[in-house]
Amino acid sequence: MANGLRASLANLDQALNHISDERGAAGSRLNELDQVGALGSARDVDLKGTLSTLEDIDYVKTISEFTVTQTGVQAALASYAKISQTSLFDYLR
């Protein structure tokens, strides 16, 4: 009877160890899922910020900045065209 009790206790101990191992594996998987969820949430926030930046543009300011830049480029091109037409003889006069 004592041997049967010892064998039963050994089996019970082995079953508890197996349950403990499986709980640890399940906890590890849950931790990975939590990390993936957190990463997905962070990406969602980043993408929403990027989308907001693109959608919430101030059209008046953007068009104004574009116009100023375009005027600067045109002035630079006109200056270059004028300078490139001069020759050494123009400087000597």
C-alpha atoms as a PDB file:
ATOM      1  CA  MET A   1       0.000   0.000   0.000  1.00  0.00           C
ATOM      2  CA  ALA A   2       2.848   2.410   0.778  1.00  0.00           C
ATOM      3  CA  ASN A   3       4.401   1.706  -2.613  1.00  0.00           C
ATOM      4  CA  GLY A   4       1.099   2.465  -4.332  1.00  0.00           C
ATOM      5  CA  LEU A   5       0.791   5.717  -2.385  1.00  0.00           C
ATOM      6  CA  ARG A   6       4.357   6.698  -3.308  1.00  0.00           C
ATOM      7  CA  ALA A   7       3.696   5.925  -6.966  1.00  0.00           C
ATOM      8  CA  SER A   8       0.490   7.956  -6.868  1.00  0.00           C
ATOM      9  CA  LEU A   9       2.292  10.891  -5.220  1.00  0.00           C
ATOM     10  CA  ALA A  10       5.081  10.666  -7.810  1.00  0.00           C
ATOM     11  CA  ASN A  11       2.499  10.684 -10.612  1.00  0.00           C
ATOM     12  CA  LEU A  12       0.711  13.605  -8.998  1.00  0.00           C
ATOM     13  CA  ASP A  13       4.016  15.476  -8.631  1.00  0.00           C
ATOM     14  CA  GLN A  14       4.836  14.781 -12.275  1.00  0.00           C
ATOM     15  CA  ALA A  15       1.390  15.996 -13.359  1.00  0.00           C
ATOM     16  CA  LEU A  16       1.776  19.199 -11.298  1.00  0.00           C
ATOM     17  CA  ASN A  17       5.192  19.824 -12.880  1.00  0.00           C
ATOM     18  CA  HIS A  18       3.666  19.328 -16.332  1.00  0.00           C
ATOM     19  CA  ILE A  19       0.847  21.746 -15.491  1.00  0.00           C
ATOM     20  CA  SER A  20       3.385  24.262 -14.218  1.00  0.00           C
ATOM     21  CA  ASP A  21       5.434  23.938 -17.419  1.00  0.00           C
ATOM     22  CA  GLU A  22       2.345  24.428 -19.578  1.00  0.00           C
ATOM     23  CA  ARG A  23       1.283  27.483 -17.540  1.00  0.00           C
ATOM     24  CA  GLY A  24       4.752  28.942 -18.091  1.00  0.00           C
ATOM     25  CA  ALA A  25       4.548  28.302 -21.846  1.00  0.00           C
ATOM     26  CA  ALA A  26       1.063  29.842 -22.000  1.00  0.00           C
ATOM     27  CA  GLY A  27       2.280  32.869 -20.030  1.00  0.00           C
ATOM     28  CA  SER A  28       5.180  33.271 -22.431  1.00  0.00           C
ATOM     29  CA  ARG A  29       2.821  33.207 -25.420  1.00  0.00           C
ATOM     30  CA  LEU A  30       0.509  35.723 -23.757  1.00  0.00           C
ATOM     31  CA  ASN A  31       3.496  37.996 -23.129  1.00  0.00           C
ATOM     32  CA  GLU A  32       4.432  37.801 -26.821  1.00  0.00           C
ATOM     33  CA  LEU A  33       0.858  38.666 -27.795  1.00  0.00           C
ATOM     34  CA  ASP A  34       0.908  41.656 -25.447  1.00  0.00           C
ATOM     35  CA  GLN A  35       4.154  42.869 -27.013  1.00  0.00           C
ATOM     36  CA  VAL A  36       2.761  42.470 -30.533  1.00  0.00           C
ATOM     37  CA  GLY A  37      -0.373  44.357 -29.484  1.00  0.00           C
ATOM     38  CA  ALA A  38       1.681  47.185 -27.988  1.00  0.00           C
ATOM     39  CA  LEU A  39       3.799  47.387 -31.140  1.00  0.00           C
ATOM     40  CA  GLY A  40       0.661  47.481 -33.280  1.00  0.00           C
ATOM     41  CA  SER A  41      -0.801  50.249 -31.119  1.00  0.00           C
ATOM     42  CA  ALA A  42       2.383  52.301 -31.403  1.00  0.00           C
ATOM     43  CA  ARG A  43       2.371  51.881 -35.186  1.00  0.00           C
ATOM     44  CA  ASP A  44      -1.277  52.883 -35.295  1.00  0.00           C
ATOM     45  CA  VAL A  45      -0.486  56.100 -33.424  1.00  0.00           C
ATOM     46  CA  ASP A  46       2.432  56.845 -35.788  1.00  0.00           C
ATOM     47  CA  LEU A  47       0.313  56.246 -38.872  1.00  0.00           C
ATOM     48  CA  LYS A  48      -2.527  58.380 -37.533  1.00  0.00           C
ATOM     49  CA  GLY A  49      -0.047  61.198 -36.882  1.00  0.00           C
ATOM     50  CA  THR A  50       1.343  60.945 -40.400  1.00  0.00           C
ATOM     51  CA  LEU A  51      -2.135  60.865 -41.887  1.00  0.00           C
ATOM     52  CA  SER A  52      -3.141  63.882 -39.806  1.00  0.00           C
ATOM     53  CA  THR A  53      -0.085  65.778 -41.011  1.00  0.00           C
ATOM     54  CA  LEU A  54      -1.005  65.042 -44.595  1.00  0.00           C
ATOM     55  CA  GLU A  55      -4.713  65.759 -44.266  1.00  0.00           C
ATOM     56  CA  ASP A  56      -4.594  68.795 -41.999  1.00  0.00           C
ATOM     57  CA  ILE A  57      -2.455  70.930 -44.291  1.00  0.00           C
ATOM     58  CA  ASP A  58      -2.902  74.693 -44.154  1.00  0.00           C
ATOM     59  CA  TYR A  59      -3.587  75.352 -47.826  1.00  0.00           C
ATOM     60  CA  VAL A  60      -3.140  79.127 -47.636  1.00  0.00           C
ATOM     61  CA  LYS A  61       0.229  78.830 -45.913  1.00  0.00           C
ATOM     62  CA  THR A  62       1.407  76.052 -48.221  1.00  0.00           C
ATOM     63  CA  ILE A  63       0.405  77.912 -51.391  1.00  0.00           C
ATOM     64  CA  SER A  64       2.039  81.070 -50.074  1.00  0.00           C
ATOM     65  CA  GLU A  65       5.298  79.250 -49.310  1.00  0.00           C
ATOM     66  CA  PHE A  66       5.210  77.608 -52.738  1.00  0.00           C
ATOM     67  CA  THR A  67       4.672  80.976 -54.435  1.00  0.00           C
ATOM     68  CA  VAL A  68       7.580  82.564 -52.561  1.00  0.00           C
ATOM     69  CA  THR A  69       9.838  79.644 -53.456  1.00  0.00           C
ATOM     70  CA  GLN A  70       8.723  79.727 -57.077  1.00  0.00           C
ATOM     71  CA  THR A  71       9.437  83.480 -57.261  1.00  0.00           C
ATOM     72  CA  GLY A  72      12.902  82.896 -55.811  1.00  0.00           C
ATOM     73  CA  VAL A  73      13.660  80.193 -58.364  1.00  0.00           C
ATOM     74  CA  GLN A  74      12.449  82.409 -61.219  1.00  0.00           C
ATOM     75  CA  ALA A  75      14.621  85.294 -59.971  1.00  0.00           C
ATOM     76  CA  ALA A  76      17.638  83.011 -59.751  1.00  0.00           C
ATOM     77  CA  LEU A  77      17.053  81.747 -63.288  1.00  0.00           C
ATOM     78  CA  ALA A  78      16.648  85.296 -64.603  1.00  0.00           C
ATOM     79  CA  SER A  79      19.857  86.370 -62.845  1.00  0.00           C
ATOM     80  CA  TYR A  80      21.770  83.441 -64.265  1.00  0.00           C
ATOM     81  CA  ALA A  81      20.461  84.144 -67.767  1.00  0.00           C
ATOM     82  CA  LYS A  82      21.564  87.782 -67.490  1.00  0.00           C
ATOM     83  CA  ILE A  83      24.997  86.892 -66.079  1.00  0.00           C
ATOM     84  CA  SER A  84      25.629  84.162 -68.648  1.00  0.00           C
ATOM     85  CA  GLN A  85      25.086  86.649 -71.513  1.00  0.00           C
ATOM     86  CA  THR A  86      27.872  88.947 -70.374  1.00  0.00           C
ATOM     87  CA  SER A  87      31.389  88.458 -71.684  1.00  0.00           C
ATOM     88  CA  LEU A  88      34.839  89.511 -70.596  1.00  0.00           C
ATOM     89  CA  PHE A  89      34.605  92.552 -72.862  1.00  0.00           C
ATOM     90  CA  ASP A  90      31.534  93.766 -70.939  1.00  0.00           C
ATOM     91  CA  TYR A  91      33.604  93.779 -67.752  1.00  0.00           C
ATOM     92  CA  LEU A  92      36.475  95.692 -69.371  1.00  0.00           C
ATOM     93  CA  ARG A  93      34.341  98.603 -70.536  1.00  0.00           C
END
